[in-house]
Amino acid sequence: MTAHSEGLPHVFVDRSLGRIAVPRLLRQAGIELTTLAEHYGIPHDEKVEDITWLTDTARLGWVAFMKDERIRRRPAEKAAVIKHAARCFYITRQNLSGPEMAQRFIDNLDAIVRARPRPSRRRARRRSGSTIAPGCLPGEPDGTRAGSRSD
């Protein structure tokens, strides 16, 4: 799948996925993306609040990839996602390597493209049944499916 010829919006990669390995692997798979560090600059990127980048990326029409699932539980961040119709996909397993995280997103590109453009946080799963959440991509042990609401 050539990500953007198939309808994937520009992707924003949060600092929780790292600055180098995951973005490099996603780019190698043909995904057009901008990391938090690239968008806001180093060292300022370390001080950017989640609410700020959620708002900014939603206004740009970008899809956010992240590993910080706590965003869905924090009232201010959750409100920013809803208010700005942010499209977010996150990995729920915190112990994955960079290549494993990148592969979860790559394996779920079709589901990400199909996810309705409304405020959402989905998990991204491995094809074998482990999750990435929007809100998350499909696949963790919680049984959430790609495209489903997780809140």
N, C-alpha and C. Protein backbone atom coordinates (compact mmCIF):
# COMPACT_ATOMS: atom_id res chain seq x y z
N MET A 1 0.85 -1.18 0.00
CA MET A 1 0.00 0.00 0.00
C MET A 1 0.89 1.24 0.00
N THR A 2 0.66 2.14 -0.92
CA THR A 2 1.32 3.43 -0.88
C THR A 2 0.41 4.31 -0.05
N ALA A 3 0.83 4.61 1.16
CA ALA A 3 -0.03 5.23 2.16
C ALA A 3 -0.82 6.43 1.65
N HIS A 4 -0.17 7.39 1.10
CA HIS A 4 -0.88 8.62 0.77
C HIS A 4 -1.69 8.53 -0.51
N SER A 5 -1.31 7.65 -1.43
CA SER A 5 -2.15 7.47 -2.61
C SER A 5 -3.44 6.75 -2.25
N GLU A 6 -3.47 6.13 -1.08
CA GLU A 6 -4.65 5.41 -0.61
C GLU A 6 -5.48 6.23 0.37
N GLY A 7 -5.15 7.49 0.60
CA GLY A 7 -5.99 8.33 1.43
C GLY A 7 -5.53 8.59 2.85
N LEU A 8 -4.33 8.22 3.20
CA LEU A 8 -3.84 8.49 4.55
C LEU A 8 -3.42 9.95 4.64
N PRO A 9 -3.98 10.70 5.61
CA PRO A 9 -3.54 12.09 5.79
C PRO A 9 -2.08 12.12 6.24
N HIS A 10 -1.51 13.29 6.25
CA HIS A 10 -0.16 13.47 6.78
C HIS A 10 -0.16 12.97 8.22
N VAL A 11 0.93 12.36 8.64
CA VAL A 11 1.03 11.76 9.97
C VAL A 11 1.95 12.59 10.85
N PHE A 12 1.52 12.79 12.08
CA PHE A 12 2.31 13.45 13.11
C PHE A 12 2.76 12.36 14.08
N VAL A 13 4.06 12.29 14.37
CA VAL A 13 4.59 11.29 15.30
C VAL A 13 4.98 11.97 16.60
N ASP A 14 4.28 11.59 17.68
CA ASP A 14 4.52 12.14 19.00
C ASP A 14 5.87 11.67 19.55
N ARG A 15 6.40 12.43 20.49
CA ARG A 15 7.69 12.10 21.10
C ARG A 15 7.69 10.74 21.76
N SER A 16 6.53 10.23 22.16
CA SER A 16 6.45 8.94 22.85
C SER A 16 6.93 7.79 21.96
N LEU A 17 6.94 7.98 20.64
CA LEU A 17 7.42 6.95 19.71
C LEU A 17 8.90 7.14 19.36
N GLY A 18 9.50 8.23 19.84
CA GLY A 18 10.90 8.50 19.56
C GLY A 18 11.08 9.38 18.34
N ARG A 19 12.30 9.91 18.20
CA ARG A 19 12.60 10.84 17.11
C ARG A 19 13.20 10.18 15.88
N ILE A 20 13.77 8.98 16.04
CA ILE A 20 14.57 8.44 14.94
C ILE A 20 14.05 7.13 14.36
N ALA A 21 14.10 6.05 15.12
CA ALA A 21 13.83 4.72 14.57
C ALA A 21 12.43 4.57 14.00
N VAL A 22 11.39 4.86 14.78
CA VAL A 22 10.02 4.68 14.31
C VAL A 22 9.73 5.60 13.12
N PRO A 23 10.06 6.90 13.20
CA PRO A 23 9.81 7.74 12.03
C PRO A 23 10.54 7.26 10.77
N ARG A 24 11.79 6.80 10.94
CA ARG A 24 12.56 6.30 9.78
C ARG A 24 11.87 5.10 9.15
N LEU A 25 11.42 4.17 9.97
CA LEU A 25 10.77 2.96 9.45
C LEU A 25 9.42 3.29 8.78
N LEU A 26 8.69 4.22 9.36
CA LEU A 26 7.41 4.62 8.76
C LEU A 26 7.65 5.31 7.42
N ARG A 27 8.68 6.15 7.35
CA ARG A 27 9.01 6.81 6.08
C ARG A 27 9.43 5.79 5.03
N GLN A 28 10.19 4.79 5.45
CA GLN A 28 10.61 3.74 4.51
C GLN A 28 9.40 3.00 3.95
N ALA A 29 8.31 2.98 4.70
CA ALA A 29 7.08 2.32 4.24
C ALA A 29 6.23 3.26 3.38
N GLY A 30 6.73 4.47 3.13
CA GLY A 30 6.02 5.40 2.26
C GLY A 30 5.08 6.36 2.96
N ILE A 31 5.18 6.44 4.28
CA ILE A 31 4.29 7.32 5.04
C ILE A 31 4.93 8.70 5.14
N GLU A 32 4.18 9.71 4.73
CA GLU A 32 4.63 11.10 4.87
C GLU A 32 4.32 11.54 6.29
N LEU A 33 5.34 12.01 7.00
CA LEU A 33 5.14 12.34 8.40
C LEU A 33 6.02 13.49 8.85
N THR A 34 5.65 14.03 9.99
CA THR A 34 6.42 15.05 10.68
C THR A 34 6.47 14.64 12.14
N THR A 35 7.67 14.66 12.73
CA THR A 35 7.77 14.35 14.15
C THR A 35 7.53 15.61 14.97
N LEU A 36 7.23 15.43 16.23
CA LEU A 36 7.04 16.56 17.13
C LEU A 36 8.30 17.42 17.13
N ALA A 37 9.47 16.79 17.16
CA ALA A 37 10.74 17.53 17.17
C ALA A 37 10.92 18.33 15.89
N GLU A 38 10.54 17.77 14.75
CA GLU A 38 10.66 18.50 13.48
C GLU A 38 9.69 19.67 13.42
N HIS A 39 8.50 19.48 13.93
CA HIS A 39 7.47 20.52 13.85
C HIS A 39 7.76 21.70 14.78
N TYR A 40 8.18 21.42 16.00
CA TYR A 40 8.37 22.47 16.99
C TYR A 40 9.84 22.84 17.20
N GLY A 41 10.75 22.00 16.72
CA GLY A 41 12.18 22.27 16.87
C GLY A 41 12.73 21.76 18.19
N ILE A 42 14.02 21.39 18.12
CA ILE A 42 14.74 20.92 19.30
C ILE A 42 15.45 22.14 19.90
N PRO A 43 15.44 22.36 21.17
CA PRO A 43 14.93 21.56 22.27
C PRO A 43 13.49 21.92 22.68
N HIS A 44 12.87 22.86 21.99
CA HIS A 44 11.52 23.30 22.37
C HIS A 44 10.52 22.14 22.40
N ASP A 45 10.75 21.13 21.58
CA ASP A 45 9.82 20.00 21.49
C ASP A 45 9.58 19.32 22.83
N GLU A 46 10.57 19.33 23.70
CA GLU A 46 10.43 18.68 25.01
C GLU A 46 9.47 19.42 25.94
N LYS A 47 9.17 20.68 25.61
CA LYS A 47 8.30 21.50 26.47
C LYS A 47 6.90 21.65 25.90
N VAL A 48 6.64 21.11 24.73
CA VAL A 48 5.33 21.26 24.10
C VAL A 48 4.31 20.38 24.82
N GLU A 49 3.24 20.99 25.29
CA GLU A 49 2.19 20.26 25.99
C GLU A 49 1.38 19.43 25.01
N ASP A 50 0.83 18.32 25.48
CA ASP A 50 0.01 17.47 24.62
C ASP A 50 -1.17 18.25 24.04
N ILE A 51 -1.78 19.10 24.84
CA ILE A 51 -2.93 19.87 24.36
C ILE A 51 -2.54 20.74 23.16
N THR A 52 -1.33 21.28 23.19
CA THR A 52 -0.86 22.13 22.10
C THR A 52 -0.73 21.35 20.81
N TRP A 53 0.00 20.22 20.85
CA TRP A 53 0.20 19.49 19.59
C TRP A 53 -1.09 18.82 19.13
N LEU A 54 -1.95 18.40 20.04
CA LEU A 54 -3.23 17.83 19.64
C LEU A 54 -4.05 18.87 18.87
N THR A 55 -4.08 20.08 19.38
CA THR A 55 -4.81 21.17 18.73
C THR A 55 -4.19 21.53 17.39
N ASP A 56 -2.88 21.71 17.38
CA ASP A 56 -2.19 22.12 16.15
C ASP A 56 -2.31 21.07 15.04
N THR A 57 -2.10 19.81 15.38
CA THR A 57 -2.15 18.78 14.33
C THR A 57 -3.57 18.57 13.82
N ALA A 58 -4.54 18.69 14.70
CA ALA A 58 -5.95 18.56 14.26
C ALA A 58 -6.29 19.68 13.29
N ARG A 59 -5.86 20.90 13.58
CA ARG A 59 -6.13 22.03 12.69
C ARG A 59 -5.47 21.84 11.33
N LEU A 60 -4.35 21.16 11.31
CA LEU A 60 -3.65 20.89 10.05
C LEU A 60 -4.25 19.70 9.30
N GLY A 61 -5.15 18.96 9.96
CA GLY A 61 -5.76 17.80 9.33
C GLY A 61 -4.88 16.56 9.36
N TRP A 62 -3.89 16.56 10.23
CA TRP A 62 -2.98 15.43 10.34
C TRP A 62 -3.55 14.36 11.26
N VAL A 63 -3.06 13.14 11.10
CA VAL A 63 -3.37 12.02 11.97
C VAL A 63 -2.18 11.86 12.91
N ALA A 64 -2.44 11.68 14.20
CA ALA A 64 -1.36 11.55 15.18
C ALA A 64 -1.13 10.09 15.55
N PHE A 65 0.14 9.69 15.54
CA PHE A 65 0.56 8.37 16.01
C PHE A 65 1.30 8.61 17.32
N MET A 66 1.00 7.78 18.33
CA MET A 66 1.63 7.93 19.63
C MET A 66 1.64 6.63 20.40
N LYS A 67 2.30 6.66 21.55
CA LYS A 67 2.33 5.52 22.46
C LYS A 67 1.73 5.88 23.81
N ASP A 68 1.39 7.12 24.02
CA ASP A 68 0.90 7.61 25.31
C ASP A 68 -0.62 7.47 25.39
N GLU A 69 -1.10 6.32 25.86
CA GLU A 69 -2.54 6.11 25.95
C GLU A 69 -3.19 6.89 27.08
N ARG A 70 -2.40 7.46 27.97
CA ARG A 70 -2.96 8.23 29.08
C ARG A 70 -3.72 9.46 28.58
N ILE A 71 -3.44 9.89 27.37
CA ILE A 71 -4.13 11.05 26.81
C ILE A 71 -5.64 10.84 26.84
N ARG A 72 -6.09 9.61 26.62
CA ARG A 72 -7.53 9.37 26.60
C ARG A 72 -8.17 9.44 27.98
N ARG A 73 -7.36 9.45 29.02
CA ARG A 73 -7.89 9.51 30.38
C ARG A 73 -7.73 10.88 31.03
N ARG A 74 -6.93 11.74 30.45
CA ARG A 74 -6.70 13.07 31.01
C ARG A 74 -7.78 14.02 30.50
N PRO A 75 -8.52 14.66 31.40
CA PRO A 75 -9.64 15.51 30.97
C PRO A 75 -9.27 16.60 29.96
N ALA A 76 -8.17 17.31 30.17
CA ALA A 76 -7.80 18.40 29.26
C ALA A 76 -7.43 17.88 27.87
N GLU A 77 -6.67 16.79 27.82
CA GLU A 77 -6.27 16.22 26.54
C GLU A 77 -7.47 15.61 25.81
N LYS A 78 -8.31 14.92 26.57
CA LYS A 78 -9.51 14.34 25.98
C LYS A 78 -10.41 15.43 25.41
N ALA A 79 -10.55 16.54 26.14
CA ALA A 79 -11.35 17.66 25.66
C ALA A 79 -10.76 18.25 24.38
N ALA A 80 -9.42 18.33 24.30
CA ALA A 80 -8.78 18.86 23.09
C ALA A 80 -9.04 17.95 21.90
N VAL A 81 -8.98 16.66 22.11
CA VAL A 81 -9.26 15.70 21.03
C VAL A 81 -10.68 15.91 20.52
N ILE A 82 -11.62 16.02 21.42
CA ILE A 82 -13.02 16.17 21.03
C ILE A 82 -13.27 17.53 20.38
N LYS A 83 -12.81 18.59 21.02
CA LYS A 83 -13.05 19.95 20.52
C LYS A 83 -12.49 20.16 19.12
N HIS A 84 -11.31 19.61 18.86
CA HIS A 84 -10.64 19.86 17.58
C HIS A 84 -10.75 18.69 16.60
N ALA A 85 -11.55 17.68 16.96
CA ALA A 85 -11.74 16.49 16.12
C ALA A 85 -10.40 15.86 15.73
N ALA A 86 -9.52 15.75 16.70
CA ALA A 86 -8.21 15.16 16.46
C ALA A 86 -8.34 13.67 16.15
N ARG A 87 -7.58 13.21 15.18
CA ARG A 87 -7.55 11.78 14.84
C ARG A 87 -6.25 11.22 15.36
N CYS A 88 -6.35 10.38 16.39
CA CYS A 88 -5.18 9.85 17.08
C CYS A 88 -5.20 8.34 17.10
N PHE A 89 -4.04 7.75 16.90
CA PHE A 89 -3.88 6.31 16.98
C PHE A 89 -2.70 6.03 17.89
N TYR A 90 -2.88 5.12 18.85
CA TYR A 90 -1.80 4.86 19.77
C TYR A 90 -1.59 3.38 20.02
N ILE A 91 -0.39 3.08 20.44
CA ILE A 91 -0.01 1.71 20.79
C ILE A 91 -0.17 1.57 22.30
N THR A 92 -0.85 0.52 22.73
CA THR A 92 -1.10 0.35 24.16
C THR A 92 0.02 -0.39 24.87
N ARG A 93 0.73 -1.25 24.18
CA ARG A 93 1.82 -1.99 24.83
C ARG A 93 3.05 -1.11 24.90
N GLN A 94 3.55 -0.91 26.09
CA GLN A 94 4.66 0.01 26.30
C GLN A 94 6.03 -0.65 26.14
N ASN A 95 6.09 -1.97 25.98
CA ASN A 95 7.37 -2.66 25.94
C ASN A 95 7.80 -3.10 24.54
N LEU A 96 7.24 -2.51 23.50
CA LEU A 96 7.61 -2.89 22.14
C LEU A 96 8.85 -2.15 21.67
N SER A 97 9.61 -2.80 20.81
CA SER A 97 10.78 -2.15 20.21
C SER A 97 10.32 -1.17 19.13
N GLY A 98 11.22 -0.31 18.69
CA GLY A 98 10.90 0.63 17.62
C GLY A 98 10.38 -0.07 16.37
N PRO A 99 11.07 -1.11 15.88
CA PRO A 99 10.57 -1.81 14.69
C PRO A 99 9.19 -2.44 14.91
N GLU A 100 8.93 -2.96 16.11
CA GLU A 100 7.61 -3.54 16.40
C GLU A 100 6.53 -2.47 16.39
N MET A 101 6.83 -1.31 16.96
CA MET A 101 5.85 -0.22 16.97
C MET A 101 5.54 0.24 15.56
N ALA A 102 6.59 0.47 14.78
CA ALA A 102 6.39 0.92 13.40
C ALA A 102 5.57 -0.10 12.62
N GLN A 103 5.87 -1.37 12.80
CA GLN A 103 5.15 -2.41 12.07
C GLN A 103 3.67 -2.45 12.45
N ARG A 104 3.33 -2.17 13.71
CA ARG A 104 1.93 -2.14 14.11
C ARG A 104 1.17 -1.09 13.31
N PHE A 105 1.77 0.09 13.17
CA PHE A 105 1.11 1.14 12.39
C PHE A 105 1.03 0.76 10.92
N ILE A 106 2.11 0.24 10.38
CA ILE A 106 2.15 -0.16 8.97
C ILE A 106 1.10 -1.23 8.69
N ASP A 107 1.02 -2.23 9.55
CA ASP A 107 0.05 -3.32 9.37
C ASP A 107 -1.40 -2.84 9.44
N ASN A 108 -1.62 -1.69 10.04
CA ASN A 108 -2.98 -1.19 10.25
C ASN A 108 -3.32 0.04 9.41
N LEU A 109 -2.53 0.32 8.39
CA LEU A 109 -2.79 1.51 7.58
C LEU A 109 -4.18 1.50 6.95
N ASP A 110 -4.62 0.35 6.48
CA ASP A 110 -5.97 0.29 5.89
C ASP A 110 -7.03 0.68 6.90
N ALA A 111 -6.91 0.17 8.12
CA ALA A 111 -7.89 0.49 9.17
C ALA A 111 -7.81 1.96 9.55
N ILE A 112 -6.61 2.51 9.56
CA ILE A 112 -6.43 3.92 9.90
C ILE A 112 -7.10 4.80 8.84
N VAL A 113 -6.90 4.46 7.58
CA VAL A 113 -7.52 5.22 6.49
C VAL A 113 -9.03 5.13 6.58
N ARG A 114 -9.55 3.95 6.92
CA ARG A 114 -11.01 3.76 7.00
C ARG A 114 -11.64 4.41 8.22
N ALA A 115 -10.85 4.66 9.26
CA ALA A 115 -11.40 5.25 10.49
C ALA A 115 -12.04 6.59 10.15
N ARG A 116 -13.23 6.78 10.67
CA ARG A 116 -13.96 8.02 10.38
C ARG A 116 -13.21 9.24 10.89
N PRO A 117 -13.19 10.31 10.11
CA PRO A 117 -12.52 11.53 10.55
C PRO A 117 -13.35 12.29 11.57
N ARG A 118 -13.37 11.78 12.78
CA ARG A 118 -14.06 12.44 13.89
C ARG A 118 -13.15 12.30 15.08
N PRO A 119 -13.43 13.00 16.15
CA PRO A 119 -12.55 12.88 17.31
C PRO A 119 -12.45 11.42 17.71
N SER A 120 -11.25 10.91 17.72
CA SER A 120 -11.11 9.51 18.07
C SER A 120 -9.72 9.22 18.58
N ARG A 121 -9.65 8.18 19.37
CA ARG A 121 -8.39 7.66 19.86
C ARG A 121 -8.49 6.14 19.69
N ARG A 122 -7.73 5.57 18.79
CA ARG A 122 -7.84 4.14 18.49
C ARG A 122 -6.54 3.41 18.75
N ARG A 123 -6.67 2.12 19.10
CA ARG A 123 -5.50 1.26 19.30
C ARG A 123 -5.08 0.61 18.00
N ALA A 124 -3.79 0.42 17.83
CA ALA A 124 -3.28 -0.29 16.66
C ALA A 124 -2.85 -1.68 17.10
N ARG A 125 -3.39 -2.68 16.47
CA ARG A 125 -3.13 -4.06 16.86
C ARG A 125 -2.19 -4.76 15.90
N ARG A 126 -1.61 -5.82 16.42
CA ARG A 126 -0.91 -6.73 15.53
C ARG A 126 -1.99 -7.50 14.81
N ARG A 127 -1.72 -7.94 13.61
CA ARG A 127 -2.70 -8.73 12.87
C ARG A 127 -3.08 -9.98 13.66
N SER A 128 -2.17 -10.47 14.49
CA SER A 128 -2.45 -11.69 15.24
C SER A 128 -3.26 -11.45 16.51
N GLY A 129 -3.62 -10.21 16.79
CA GLY A 129 -4.50 -9.98 17.92
C GLY A 129 -3.98 -9.11 19.04
N SER A 130 -2.89 -8.39 18.90
CA SER A 130 -2.42 -7.50 19.95
C SER A 130 -2.71 -6.06 19.51
N THR A 131 -3.00 -5.10 20.40
CA THR A 131 -3.52 -3.78 19.98
C THR A 131 -2.58 -2.61 19.76
N ILE A 132 -3.02 -1.74 18.80
CA ILE A 132 -2.61 -0.33 18.72
C ILE A 132 -3.92 0.40 18.90
N ALA A 133 -3.99 1.33 19.75
CA ALA A 133 -5.25 1.94 19.92
C ALA A 133 -5.42 3.25 19.17
N PRO A 134 -7.03 4.16 18.35
CA PRO A 134 -7.25 5.59 18.52
C PRO A 134 -8.05 5.66 19.64
N GLY A 135 -7.77 6.57 18.44
CA GLY A 135 -7.79 6.38 19.59
C GLY A 135 -6.99 5.17 19.67
N CYS A 136 -6.87 3.94 19.07
CA CYS A 136 -5.95 2.80 19.08
C CYS A 136 -6.04 2.08 17.76
N LEU A 137 -5.03 1.32 17.37
CA LEU A 137 -5.13 0.48 16.18
C LEU A 137 -5.54 -0.91 16.64
N PRO A 138 -5.93 -1.81 15.76
CA PRO A 138 -6.39 -3.12 16.20
C PRO A 138 -5.30 -3.98 16.81
N GLY A 139 -5.54 -4.70 17.90
CA GLY A 139 -4.68 -5.76 18.33
C GLY A 139 -4.25 -6.06 19.72
N GLU A 140 -4.56 -5.35 20.77
CA GLU A 140 -4.11 -5.70 22.11
C GLU A 140 -5.05 -6.71 22.75
N PRO A 141 -4.67 -7.22 23.87
CA PRO A 141 -5.48 -8.23 24.54
C PRO A 141 -6.87 -7.76 24.94
N ASP A 142 -7.15 -6.47 24.88
CA ASP A 142 -8.49 -6.00 25.29
C ASP A 142 -9.55 -6.28 24.24
N GLY A 143 -9.15 -6.71 23.05
CA GLY A 143 -10.09 -7.11 22.04
C GLY A 143 -10.69 -5.96 21.24
N THR A 144 -10.22 -4.73 21.43
CA THR A 144 -10.73 -3.60 20.68
C THR A 144 -10.39 -3.75 19.21
N ARG A 145 -11.28 -3.39 18.33
CA ARG A 145 -11.06 -3.48 16.90
C ARG A 145 -10.71 -2.13 16.33
N ALA A 146 -9.92 -2.11 15.26
CA ALA A 146 -9.60 -0.86 14.58
C ALA A 146 -10.88 -0.21 14.14
N GLY A 147 -10.93 1.09 14.26
CA GLY A 147 -12.12 1.81 13.85
C GLY A 147 -13.17 1.91 14.94
N SER A 148 -12.97 1.21 16.04
CA SER A 148 -13.96 1.28 17.11
C SER A 148 -13.59 2.39 18.08
N ARG A 149 -14.57 2.90 18.76
CA ARG A 149 -14.32 3.93 19.76
C ARG A 149 -13.78 3.26 21.01
N SER A 150 -12.79 3.84 21.63
CA SER A 150 -12.21 3.21 22.80
C SER A 150 -12.47 4.00 24.08
N ASP A 151 -13.29 5.04 24.01
CA ASP A 151 -13.51 5.81 25.23
C ASP A 151 -14.87 5.56 25.82
